[in-house]
Amino acid sequence: MKKTKQILAIIGVVLLVALYVSTLVFALIGSDFATNCLKASIYATVVVPVLIWAYTMYTAYLRIITL
């Protein structure tokens, strides 16, 4: 279980770093496609951490209930 948590945490960190880098790259490019990708990247930068937080809170809640 601990190994699984570590792997998922590393995947989450890599995903967030990729989102931050893509946001920076899309902000520096001036095309219309890059503007749309920038909006999507900013949205995902906010939503993905919230979903990760909600998932961890939900699993903690389920763990407490099953005890």
Protein backbone atom coordinates (compact mmCIF):
# COMPACT_ATOMS: atom_id res chain seq x y z
CA MET A 1 0.00 0.00 0.00
CA LYS A 2 2.83 2.41 0.86
CA LYS A 3 4.55 1.69 -2.46
CA THR A 4 1.32 2.41 -4.35
CA LYS A 5 0.92 5.75 -2.57
CA GLN A 6 4.47 6.72 -3.43
CA ILE A 7 4.00 5.85 -7.10
CA LEU A 8 0.73 7.79 -7.28
CA ALA A 9 2.35 10.78 -5.55
CA ILE A 10 5.21 10.77 -8.05
CA ILE A 11 2.75 10.58 -10.95
CA GLY A 12 0.82 13.51 -9.48
CA VAL A 13 3.95 15.61 -9.10
CA VAL A 14 5.06 14.84 -12.66
CA LEU A 15 1.60 15.73 -13.97
CA LEU A 16 1.56 19.05 -12.12
CA VAL A 17 5.07 19.96 -13.29
CA ALA A 18 4.05 19.14 -16.86
CA LEU A 19 0.98 21.36 -16.49
CA TYR A 20 3.07 24.26 -15.15
CA VAL A 21 5.62 23.93 -17.95
CA SER A 22 2.92 23.70 -20.62
CA THR A 23 1.22 26.79 -19.17
CA LEU A 24 4.49 28.70 -19.44
CA VAL A 25 5.14 27.51 -22.99
CA PHE A 26 1.62 28.31 -24.18
CA ALA A 27 1.85 31.76 -22.60
CA LEU A 28 4.97 32.52 -24.62
CA ILE A 29 3.50 31.37 -27.96
CA GLY A 30 1.27 33.87 -29.72
CA SER A 31 -1.03 31.79 -31.93
CA ASP A 32 -4.78 31.27 -31.49
CA PHE A 33 -4.26 27.56 -30.87
CA ALA A 34 -1.76 28.35 -28.11
CA THR A 35 -4.25 30.74 -26.52
CA ASN A 36 -6.89 28.01 -26.35
CA CYS A 37 -4.33 25.54 -25.01
CA LEU A 38 -3.25 28.13 -22.42
CA LYS A 39 -6.82 28.45 -21.17
CA ALA A 40 -7.15 24.66 -20.94
CA SER A 41 -3.79 24.39 -19.19
CA ILE A 42 -4.69 27.04 -16.60
CA TYR A 43 -8.01 25.30 -16.00
CA ALA A 44 -6.28 21.93 -15.55
CA THR A 45 -3.67 23.52 -13.26
CA VAL A 46 -6.49 24.47 -10.90
CA VAL A 47 -8.75 21.43 -11.32
CA VAL A 48 -6.18 18.60 -11.10
CA PRO A 49 -4.89 19.51 -7.60
CA VAL A 50 -8.46 19.94 -6.38
CA LEU A 51 -9.39 16.50 -7.71
CA ILE A 52 -6.29 14.96 -6.10
CA TRP A 53 -7.21 16.60 -2.80
CA ALA A 54 -10.83 15.43 -3.05
CA TYR A 55 -9.72 11.88 -3.82
CA THR A 56 -7.39 11.76 -0.82
CA MET A 57 -10.06 13.17 1.48
CA TYR A 58 -12.60 10.64 0.17
CA THR A 59 -10.25 7.70 0.67
CA ALA A 60 -9.39 8.92 4.19
CA TYR A 61 -13.10 9.19 4.95
CA LEU A 62 -13.73 5.66 3.67
CA ARG A 63 -10.82 4.35 5.71
CA ILE A 64 -12.27 5.91 8.89
CA ILE A 65 -15.76 4.53 8.21
CA THR A 66 -14.55 0.98 7.57
CA LEU A 67 -12.63 0.88 10.87
